């Protein structure tokens, strides 16, 4: 059977078109170095390339975010380092002012140094990097603190994404960075022995601990901790005479030398000797496992008075006594302080021993007042104002400055932890970028040597096809008959 010319021509035409197309594709591959130019070139590979380009673009943005976080967090850390050094210097000055004898003029002179230091600290808290305030949270362009130490920024931090599942804080809110857990009562007393004027119960809770104390007229506590209620009180350095008076301050009864008996025996004697006047005593189990004593006049209103010649058992109706009693009931990790304010009056401060411990305070009966926390600028500002008024810092001021330092160093540690995680992402991102670019190259770029070999093969095939066409050009239908 003879093959018609038109069929041969059709075959030659198809092969010619196919070979020319492959030669053109390999020519472009060799000249551009890229294997894929159109979706039709290799649909599966093109789809992979598109996805890889998206991943590379996303990773590039994560890398920019990481660098942004790195720069800003490093600057925040350096700023807090300067602040911590300044607060440490203020602590030394405050301790000297408390423990040494100073004239009114020298205290006022120290107030000038405190003013300059606080201005420095406030300027650092209001630092900007570019157009962004570093301690204003998500309110990037809002100045964090005003001249009265009020926080004006956002309570939310500003975060950036540095990988698919990780957002990191970059700008922390200043109310979190510089707030403290120093709790101050808003009620002021003319002197430490001023009567509280109210009766009720205070409950302070933190972590798994709860401290409860009754206060007001007719409530007495032993202002010391006893670890064994069955040993003589003298072993704890406690002794004296407990005397019961009526409303006219006439002596009704007395317990002599209670140091010779145990706490449990003292409770029994109080209930026996003073019980006829509606005086009741009870053992108090403190949260830290120690014991103390509570005595109450159950008359309404209370009409008896108890005094202790050793001043170990005090009525909880003055600020001075309340502080001693609260500390007898509370574990060592929470301390009450009697604090003098700049106008010379007194109030109460509660300060946990740990910078990260926050307490909840509630009242039943008539409340002593409201508690509020102060930021480090407000705490230092109070010390400055006291020095200007020629008052020396008290123990709570020293503790407050120490706490300010603790807070700043704690925030530095927090930022340092975030910063180390951010820096760790750099190597991870670089390695991942290398892998993605290699995958993209494998899918998209041409293998030059292979492309040249294939080009040569297609060129030889094309030349062979042309030769076949030339050899068959003079063929007619008669040759197949």
Protein backbone atom coordinates (compact mmCIF):
# COMPACT_ATOMS: atom_id res chain seq x y z
CA UNK A 1 0.00 0.00 0.00
CA UNK A 2 1.32 3.43 -0.96
CA UNK A 3 1.17 6.38 1.43
CA UNK A 4 -0.50 9.44 -0.16
CA UNK A 5 1.50 12.68 -0.42
CA UNK A 6 -1.10 14.63 1.58
CA UNK A 7 -0.76 12.23 4.56
CA UNK A 8 3.04 12.47 4.46
CA UNK A 9 2.76 16.22 4.23
CA UNK A 10 0.43 16.29 7.24
CA UNK A 11 2.87 14.17 9.29
CA UNK A 12 5.82 16.29 8.23
CA UNK A 13 3.88 19.47 9.09
CA UNK A 14 2.97 18.22 12.60
CA UNK A 15 6.55 17.17 13.33
CA UNK A 16 7.89 20.42 11.95
CA UNK A 17 5.57 22.47 14.21
CA UNK A 18 6.38 20.37 17.28
CA UNK A 19 10.16 20.49 16.77
CA UNK A 20 10.14 24.22 15.99
CA UNK A 21 8.14 24.84 19.21
CA UNK A 22 10.61 22.83 21.29
CA UNK A 23 13.59 24.56 19.66
CA UNK A 24 12.04 27.97 20.40
CA UNK A 25 11.34 26.96 24.05
CA UNK A 26 14.89 25.70 24.58
CA UNK A 27 16.29 28.81 22.92
CA UNK A 28 14.39 30.99 25.44
CA UNK A 29 15.49 28.74 28.34
CA UNK A 30 19.14 29.13 27.30
CA UNK A 31 18.88 32.89 26.80
CA UNK A 32 16.88 33.64 30.01
CA UNK A 33 17.93 30.82 32.31
CA UNK A 34 14.26 30.20 33.21
CA UNK A 35 12.33 27.06 32.44
CA UNK A 36 8.82 28.45 33.05
CA UNK A 37 7.47 31.61 31.45
CA UNK A 38 3.82 30.77 31.01
CA UNK A 39 1.35 28.62 32.92
CA UNK A 40 1.08 26.40 29.87
CA UNK A 41 4.81 25.65 29.96
CA UNK A 42 4.39 23.30 32.96
CA UNK A 43 1.10 23.76 34.90
CA UNK A 44 2.06 21.69 38.01
CA UNK A 45 5.46 23.34 38.29
CA UNK A 46 3.95 26.78 37.70
CA UNK A 47 1.45 26.18 40.54
CA UNK A 48 4.33 25.23 42.84
CA UNK A 49 6.26 28.35 41.83
CA UNK A 50 3.28 30.61 42.58
CA UNK A 51 2.92 29.08 46.04
CA UNK A 52 6.65 29.36 46.67
CA UNK A 53 6.64 33.01 45.62
CA UNK A 54 3.85 33.66 48.11
CA UNK A 55 5.76 31.88 50.88
CA UNK A 56 8.93 33.83 50.06
CA UNK A 57 7.00 37.11 50.10
CA UNK A 58 5.39 36.23 53.44
CA UNK A 59 8.72 35.14 54.93
CA UNK A 60 10.30 38.35 53.71
CA UNK A 61 7.64 40.35 55.58
CA UNK A 62 8.18 38.24 58.71
CA UNK A 63 11.89 38.98 58.43
CA UNK A 64 11.22 42.72 58.19
CA UNK A 65 8.92 42.49 61.23
CA UNK A 66 11.59 40.59 63.14
CA UNK A 67 14.19 43.24 62.36
CA UNK A 68 11.70 45.96 63.39
CA UNK A 69 11.07 44.16 66.69
CA UNK A 70 14.78 43.58 67.26
CA UNK A 71 15.69 47.25 66.85
CA UNK A 72 12.88 48.60 69.01
CA UNK A 73 13.17 46.03 71.80
CA UNK A 74 16.92 46.57 71.97
CA UNK A 75 16.35 50.30 72.32
CA UNK A 76 13.72 49.74 75.04
CA UNK A 77 16.13 47.48 76.93
CA UNK A 78 18.90 50.09 76.80
CA UNK A 79 16.45 52.75 77.98
CA UNK A 80 15.35 50.65 80.96
CA UNK A 81 19.00 50.02 81.82
CA UNK A 82 19.58 53.78 82.11
CA UNK A 83 16.45 54.09 84.25
CA UNK A 84 17.43 51.26 86.59
CA UNK A 85 20.83 52.87 87.18
CA UNK A 86 19.18 56.18 88.03
CA UNK A 87 16.69 54.56 90.44
CA UNK A 88 19.55 52.69 92.13
CA UNK A 89 21.27 56.04 92.69
CA UNK A 90 18.06 57.47 94.17
CA UNK A 91 17.81 54.48 96.51
CA UNK A 92 21.26 55.22 97.93
CA UNK A 93 20.32 58.89 98.42
CA UNK A 94 17.03 57.99 100.11
CA UNK A 95 18.71 55.53 102.51
CA UNK A 96 21.22 58.21 103.48
CA UNK A 97 18.42 60.72 104.04
CA UNK A 98 16.56 58.24 106.26
CA UNK A 99 19.47 56.99 108.35
CA UNK A 100 21.60 60.13 108.71
CA UNK A 101 20.88 63.39 110.48
CA UNK A 102 19.98 66.09 107.99
CA UNK A 103 18.95 69.70 108.36
CA UNK A 104 15.83 71.01 106.68
CA UNK A 105 18.00 72.78 104.11
CA UNK A 106 19.97 69.63 103.28
CA UNK A 107 16.73 67.70 102.78
CA UNK A 108 15.41 70.40 100.46
CA UNK A 109 18.72 70.33 98.59
CA UNK A 110 18.31 66.58 98.13
CA UNK A 111 14.80 67.26 96.81
CA UNK A 112 16.41 69.20 93.93
CA UNK A 113 18.48 66.13 93.04
CA UNK A 114 15.36 63.98 93.18
CA UNK A 115 13.57 66.43 90.89
CA UNK A 116 16.33 66.26 88.29
CA UNK A 117 16.44 62.47 88.50
CA UNK A 118 12.66 62.12 88.14
CA UNK A 119 12.74 64.46 85.10
CA UNK A 120 15.40 62.21 83.60
CA UNK A 121 13.31 59.11 84.27
CA UNK A 122 10.18 60.68 82.82
CA UNK A 123 12.06 61.71 79.67
CA UNK A 124 13.27 58.14 79.25
CA UNK A 125 9.73 56.80 79.72
CA UNK A 126 8.63 59.19 76.94
CA UNK A 127 11.41 58.15 74.54
CA UNK A 128 10.65 57.88 70.81
CA UNK A 129 12.31 55.77 68.16
CA UNK A 130 11.43 57.32 64.85
CA UNK A 131 7.82 58.42 65.13
CA UNK A 132 6.86 55.79 67.71
CA UNK A 133 6.87 56.11 71.51
CA UNK A 134 8.45 52.93 72.85
CA UNK A 135 6.32 52.74 76.02
CA UNK A 136 2.93 53.79 74.72
CA UNK A 137 1.63 50.36 73.72
CA UNK A 138 -0.47 50.29 70.57
CA UNK A 139 -1.01 54.08 70.72
CA UNK A 140 2.28 54.53 68.88
CA UNK A 141 2.18 58.30 68.42
CA UNK A 142 0.70 59.20 71.82
CA UNK A 143 3.11 60.50 74.46
CA UNK A 144 2.88 57.96 77.30
CA UNK A 145 3.15 60.15 80.44
CA UNK A 146 2.24 63.74 81.20
CA UNK A 147 4.06 65.99 83.66
CA UNK A 148 1.82 64.75 86.50
CA UNK A 149 2.89 61.14 85.84
CA UNK A 150 -0.51 60.12 84.42
CA UNK A 151 -0.39 57.44 81.74
CA UNK A 152 -2.01 58.51 78.45
CA UNK A 153 -1.04 55.65 76.14
CA UNK A 154 -2.81 52.40 75.32
CA UNK A 155 -3.15 49.51 77.74
CA UNK A 156 -2.66 47.13 74.80
CA UNK A 157 0.80 46.23 73.54
CA UNK A 158 1.76 46.64 69.88
CA UNK A 159 2.58 43.27 68.32
CA UNK A 160 4.09 42.15 65.03
CA UNK A 161 4.02 38.70 63.42
CA UNK A 162 7.44 37.08 63.00
CA UNK A 163 6.31 33.65 61.82
CA UNK A 164 3.12 31.81 60.91
CA UNK A 165 2.06 31.20 64.51
CA UNK A 166 4.06 33.73 66.54
CA UNK A 167 3.20 37.34 67.34
CA UNK A 168 5.70 39.20 69.50
CA UNK A 169 5.33 42.33 71.61
CA UNK A 170 7.33 45.29 70.35
CA UNK A 171 5.94 48.32 72.20
CA UNK A 172 4.82 47.53 75.75
CA UNK A 173 2.20 49.71 77.49
CA UNK A 174 3.80 52.07 80.00
CA UNK A 175 1.12 51.45 82.61
CA UNK A 176 2.33 47.85 82.71
CA UNK A 177 6.03 48.64 82.51
CA UNK A 178 6.10 51.26 85.25
CA UNK A 179 3.17 50.39 87.54
CA UNK A 180 4.04 48.91 90.91
CA UNK A 181 2.31 46.72 93.48
CA UNK A 182 2.64 49.30 96.26
CA UNK A 183 -0.90 49.68 97.66
CA UNK A 184 -1.68 52.93 99.47
CA UNK A 185 -4.77 53.78 101.53
CA UNK A 186 -6.49 57.04 100.58
CA UNK A 187 -7.54 57.79 104.18
CA UNK A 188 -5.15 60.10 106.06
CA UNK A 189 -4.63 60.37 109.82
CA UNK A 190 -3.17 63.31 111.71
CA UNK A 191 -0.80 61.10 113.67
CA UNK A 192 -0.04 57.37 114.07
CA UNK A 193 -2.10 57.17 117.26
CA UNK A 194 -5.22 58.71 115.73
CA UNK A 195 -8.29 56.53 116.21
CA UNK A 196 -9.38 54.69 113.09
CA UNK A 197 -12.92 55.86 113.75
CA UNK A 198 -14.51 52.79 112.12
CA UNK A 199 -14.92 49.10 112.87
CA UNK A 200 -14.80 46.25 110.38
CA UNK A 201 -12.73 43.49 108.86
CA UNK A 202 -10.04 43.69 106.19
CA UNK A 203 -9.35 40.68 103.97
CA UNK A 204 -6.24 40.58 101.81
CA UNK A 205 -5.88 37.75 99.28
CA UNK A 206 -2.96 36.89 97.01
CA UNK A 207 -1.83 33.67 95.36
CA UNK A 208 -3.23 31.00 97.74
CA UNK A 209 -2.95 33.14 100.89
CA UNK A 210 -5.68 35.05 102.72
CA UNK A 211 -5.02 37.39 105.65
CA UNK A 212 -7.97 38.62 107.73
CA UNK A 213 -7.87 41.19 110.54
CA UNK A 214 -10.61 42.85 112.59
CA UNK A 215 -10.16 46.48 113.56
CA UNK A 216 -11.95 49.07 115.65
CA UNK A 217 -12.93 49.62 119.26
CA UNK A 218 -12.93 46.52 121.50
CA UNK A 219 -10.63 44.27 119.43
CA UNK A 220 -7.15 43.33 120.73
CA UNK A 221 -4.42 41.19 119.17
CA UNK A 222 -1.06 39.85 120.28
CA UNK A 223 1.39 41.69 118.00
CA UNK A 224 3.80 38.75 117.76
CA UNK A 225 3.95 35.35 116.12
CA UNK A 226 4.09 32.22 118.27
CA UNK A 227 5.17 28.95 116.66
CA UNK A 228 4.18 26.74 119.61
CA UNK A 229 1.13 27.82 121.63
CA UNK A 230 2.02 25.43 124.48
CA UNK A 231 5.40 26.86 125.54
CA UNK A 232 5.84 29.85 127.88
CA UNK A 233 5.47 33.20 126.11
CA UNK A 234 8.71 34.37 127.68
CA UNK A 235 10.54 32.07 125.23
CA UNK A 236 9.40 34.53 122.54
CA UNK A 237 10.45 37.53 124.61
CA UNK A 238 6.84 38.27 125.62
CA UNK A 239 5.85 39.25 129.15
CA UNK A 240 3.78 41.79 131.06
CA UNK A 241 0.60 42.32 133.02
CA UNK A 242 -2.76 42.30 131.25
CA UNK A 243 -5.16 44.70 132.98
CA UNK A 244 -8.92 45.03 132.44
CA UNK A 245 -10.64 48.41 133.07
CA UNK A 246 -14.23 49.52 132.94
CA UNK A 247 -15.49 52.53 130.97
CA UNK A 248 -14.43 54.82 133.83
CA UNK A 249 -10.90 53.39 133.67
CA UNK A 250 -11.31 51.61 136.99
CA UNK A 251 -9.30 48.41 137.21
CA UNK A 252 -11.53 45.34 137.25
CA UNK A 253 -9.06 42.50 136.99
CA UNK A 254 -5.44 41.67 136.13
CA UNK A 255 -3.35 38.78 134.79
CA UNK A 256 0.20 39.12 136.11
CA UNK A 257 3.37 37.99 134.36
CA UNK A 258 1.72 36.23 131.41
CA UNK A 259 5.20 35.43 130.10
CA UNK A 260 5.30 32.53 132.56
CA UNK A 261 2.43 30.76 130.79
CA UNK A 262 1.77 29.56 127.26
CA UNK A 263 -0.46 31.21 124.70
CA UNK A 264 -3.15 28.56 125.18
CA UNK A 265 -2.98 29.06 128.97
CA UNK A 266 -3.27 32.83 128.53
CA UNK A 267 -6.41 32.34 126.44
CA UNK A 268 -7.88 30.18 129.20
CA UNK A 269 -7.04 32.76 131.89
CA UNK A 270 -8.51 35.65 129.88
CA UNK A 271 -11.75 33.77 129.33
CA UNK A 272 -11.87 32.85 133.03
CA UNK A 273 -10.65 36.09 134.65
CA UNK A 274 -12.18 38.61 132.23
CA UNK A 275 -15.11 36.52 131.04
CA UNK A 276 -17.55 38.10 133.49
CA UNK A 277 -17.20 41.37 131.56
CA UNK A 278 -18.02 39.67 128.24
CA UNK A 279 -14.35 39.48 127.23
CA UNK A 280 -13.51 36.48 125.01
CA UNK A 281 -10.11 35.29 123.81
CA UNK A 282 -9.34 32.91 120.94
CA UNK A 283 -6.35 31.37 119.22
CA UNK A 284 -5.65 32.68 115.71
CA UNK A 285 -4.08 30.32 113.15
CA UNK A 286 -1.98 32.48 110.84
CA UNK A 287 -1.56 31.64 107.12
CA UNK A 288 2.16 30.92 107.65
CA UNK A 289 1.46 28.29 110.32
CA UNK A 290 2.19 30.47 113.33
CA UNK A 291 -0.27 31.53 116.03
CA UNK A 292 -1.39 34.71 117.72
CA UNK A 293 -4.13 35.89 120.07
CA UNK A 294 -7.39 37.71 119.47
CA UNK A 295 -9.42 39.28 122.30
CA UNK A 296 -12.84 40.89 121.92
CA UNK A 297 -15.20 42.88 124.12
CA UNK A 298 -18.55 41.51 122.95
CA UNK A 299 -20.59 44.27 124.63
CA UNK A 300 -22.41 46.49 122.14
CA UNK A 301 -20.92 49.00 122.13
CA UNK A 302 -17.69 47.80 123.76
CA UNK A 303 -17.39 49.36 127.24
CA UNK A 304 -14.18 47.89 128.62
CA UNK A 305 -10.52 48.62 128.09
CA UNK A 306 -7.52 46.29 128.21
CA UNK A 307 -3.96 47.48 128.58
CA UNK A 308 -0.77 45.47 128.48
CA UNK A 309 2.20 46.75 130.46
CA UNK A 310 4.47 44.94 128.00
CA UNK A 311 2.67 46.52 125.01
CA UNK A 312 2.49 43.15 123.27
CA UNK A 313 -1.31 42.97 123.25
CA UNK A 314 -2.77 46.07 121.58
CA UNK A 315 -6.21 47.30 120.67
CA UNK A 316 -6.63 47.44 116.90
CA UNK A 317 -8.13 50.91 116.80
CA UNK A 318 -5.20 53.10 115.69
CA UNK A 319 -3.05 53.14 112.55
CA UNK A 320 0.10 52.41 114.54
CA UNK A 321 -1.45 49.37 116.23
CA UNK A 322 -3.09 48.16 113.02
CA UNK A 323 0.30 47.98 111.28
CA UNK A 324 1.82 45.93 114.11
CA UNK A 325 -1.18 43.61 114.28
CA UNK A 326 -1.44 43.06 110.53
CA UNK A 327 2.23 42.10 110.36
CA UNK A 328 1.67 39.64 113.24
CA UNK A 329 -1.09 37.98 111.22
CA UNK A 330 0.45 38.15 107.77
CA UNK A 331 3.16 35.88 106.31
CA UNK A 332 6.58 37.50 105.70
CA UNK A 333 5.82 37.96 101.99
CA UNK A 334 3.31 40.77 102.69
CA UNK A 335 4.13 43.74 104.91
CA UNK A 336 2.10 46.66 106.24
CA UNK A 337 3.82 50.04 106.59
CA UNK A 338 2.82 53.26 108.29
CA UNK A 339 3.57 55.89 105.66
CA UNK A 340 3.95 59.63 106.11
CA UNK A 341 2.72 61.71 103.17
CA UNK A 342 4.22 65.07 102.10
CA UNK A 343 1.79 67.16 104.18
CA UNK A 344 2.91 65.38 107.36
CA UNK A 345 -0.12 63.16 107.85
CA UNK A 346 -0.05 59.36 107.87
CA UNK A 347 -1.62 56.51 105.99
CA UNK A 348 -1.22 52.78 105.38
CA UNK A 349 0.76 50.95 102.72
CA UNK A 350 0.65 47.23 101.91
CA UNK A 351 3.63 45.94 99.92
CA UNK A 352 4.20 42.30 98.83
CA UNK A 353 7.78 41.09 98.96
CA UNK A 354 7.74 40.03 95.30
CA UNK A 355 7.42 42.55 92.48
CA UNK A 356 5.04 40.32 90.54
CA UNK A 357 2.62 39.62 93.42
CA UNK A 358 -0.67 41.51 93.22
CA UNK A 359 -3.18 41.52 96.05
CA UNK A 360 -6.94 41.84 96.34
CA UNK A 361 -8.27 43.90 99.27
CA UNK A 362 -11.85 43.89 100.54
CA UNK A 363 -13.72 45.08 103.62
CA UNK A 364 -16.76 44.06 105.63
CA UNK A 365 -18.32 46.50 108.04
CA UNK A 366 -17.04 50.08 107.72
CA UNK A 367 -14.07 50.23 105.34
CA UNK A 368 -10.83 51.96 106.29
CA UNK A 369 -10.92 53.59 102.86
CA UNK A 370 -9.85 52.69 99.33
CA UNK A 371 -6.48 51.34 98.27
CA UNK A 372 -4.79 52.35 95.01
CA UNK A 373 -1.45 51.55 93.37
CA UNK A 374 1.16 54.08 92.30
CA UNK A 375 3.57 53.97 89.37
CA UNK A 376 7.28 54.50 89.96
CA UNK A 377 7.13 58.20 89.07
CA UNK A 378 4.37 58.81 91.61
CA UNK A 379 6.27 56.91 94.30
CA UNK A 380 9.47 58.84 93.66
CA UNK A 381 7.46 62.05 93.36
CA UNK A 382 6.09 61.52 96.89
CA UNK A 383 9.62 61.15 98.24
CA UNK A 384 10.65 64.32 96.43
CA UNK A 385 7.70 66.26 97.88
CA UNK A 386 8.49 64.99 101.38
CA UNK A 387 12.09 66.15 101.04
CA UNK A 388 10.85 69.56 99.87
CA UNK A 389 8.75 69.68 103.05
CA UNK A 390 11.87 68.75 105.06
CA UNK A 391 10.55 65.27 105.99
CA UNK A 392 12.97 62.36 105.84
CA UNK A 393 11.96 59.25 103.88
CA UNK A 394 10.37 56.52 105.99
CA UNK A 395 10.73 52.76 105.72
CA UNK A 396 7.88 52.49 103.20
CA UNK A 397 9.60 55.09 100.96
CA UNK A 398 12.78 53.01 100.96
CA UNK A 399 10.76 49.90 100.15
CA UNK A 400 8.91 51.79 97.39
CA UNK A 401 12.14 52.90 95.72
CA UNK A 402 13.49 49.36 95.98
CA UNK A 403 10.28 48.12 94.40
CA UNK A 404 10.62 50.65 91.57
CA UNK A 405 14.06 49.24 90.84
CA UNK A 406 12.69 45.69 91.03
CA UNK A 407 9.91 46.55 88.59
CA UNK A 408 12.27 48.07 86.03
CA UNK A 409 14.72 45.17 86.21
CA UNK A 410 11.81 42.74 85.95
CA UNK A 411 10.58 44.50 82.81
CA UNK A 412 14.11 44.40 81.41
CA UNK A 413 14.11 40.64 81.96
CA UNK A 414 10.74 40.40 80.24
CA UNK A 415 11.97 42.39 77.24
CA UNK A 416 15.22 40.42 77.21
CA UNK A 417 13.27 37.17 77.02
CA UNK A 418 11.20 38.47 74.11
CA UNK A 419 14.32 39.80 72.42
CA UNK A 420 16.14 36.46 72.66
CA UNK A 421 13.18 34.76 70.96
CA UNK A 422 13.18 37.40 68.24
CA UNK A 423 16.92 37.02 67.62
CA UNK A 424 16.56 33.23 67.50
CA UNK A 425 14.18 33.65 64.57
CA UNK A 426 16.89 35.24 62.42
CA UNK A 427 18.77 32.00 61.71
CA UNK A 428 15.52 30.07 61.31
CA UNK A 429 14.22 32.57 58.78
CA UNK A 430 17.49 32.65 56.86
CA UNK A 431 17.57 28.85 56.58
CA UNK A 432 13.93 28.69 55.53
CA UNK A 433 14.48 31.40 52.92
CA UNK A 434 17.40 29.42 51.43
CA UNK A 435 15.20 26.31 51.21
CA UNK A 436 12.29 28.17 49.59
CA UNK A 437 14.55 29.88 47.04
CA UNK A 438 16.17 26.53 46.19
CA UNK A 439 12.73 24.95 45.70
CA UNK A 440 11.62 27.88 43.57
CA UNK A 441 14.79 27.66 41.52
CA UNK A 442 14.35 23.92 41.00
CA UNK A 443 10.83 24.50 39.69
CA UNK A 444 11.41 27.70 37.76
CA UNK A 445 14.99 27.89 36.56
CA UNK A 446 16.43 25.95 33.67
CA UNK A 447 19.35 23.52 33.86
CA UNK A 448 21.55 25.22 31.25
CA UNK A 449 23.61 22.18 30.23
CA UNK A 450 20.50 20.03 29.93
CA UNK A 451 18.72 22.75 27.92
CA UNK A 452 21.67 22.99 25.49
CA UNK A 453 21.71 19.21 25.03
CA UNK A 454 17.96 19.16 24.38
CA UNK A 455 18.27 22.12 22.01
CA UNK A 456 20.97 20.25 20.06
CA UNK A 457 18.83 17.11 19.96
CA UNK A 458 15.79 19.01 18.65
CA UNK A 459 17.98 20.85 16.13
CA UNK A 460 19.30 17.53 14.78
CA UNK A 461 15.76 16.17 14.62
CA UNK A 462 14.65 19.26 12.69
CA UNK A 463 17.56 18.90 10.21
CA UNK A 464 16.70 15.22 9.72
CA UNK A 465 13.05 16.12 9.10
CA UNK A 466 14.08 18.68 6.48
CA UNK A 467 16.22 16.08 4.74
CA UNK A 468 13.31 13.64 4.63
CA UNK A 469 11.10 16.33 3.16
CA UNK A 470 13.73 17.15 0.51
CA UNK A 471 14.11 13.49 -0.42
CA UNK A 472 10.39 13.04 -0.87
CA UNK A 473 9.63 16.38 -2.55
CA UNK A 474 9.47 14.88 -6.14
CA UNK A 475 7.20 11.95 -5.21
CA UNK A 476 3.85 11.57 -7.07
CA UNK A 477 0.81 9.32 -6.68
CA UNK A 478 1.96 7.26 -9.70
CA UNK A 479 4.95 5.94 -7.69
CA UNK A 480 2.50 4.17 -5.33
CA UNK A 481 0.45 2.43 -8.07
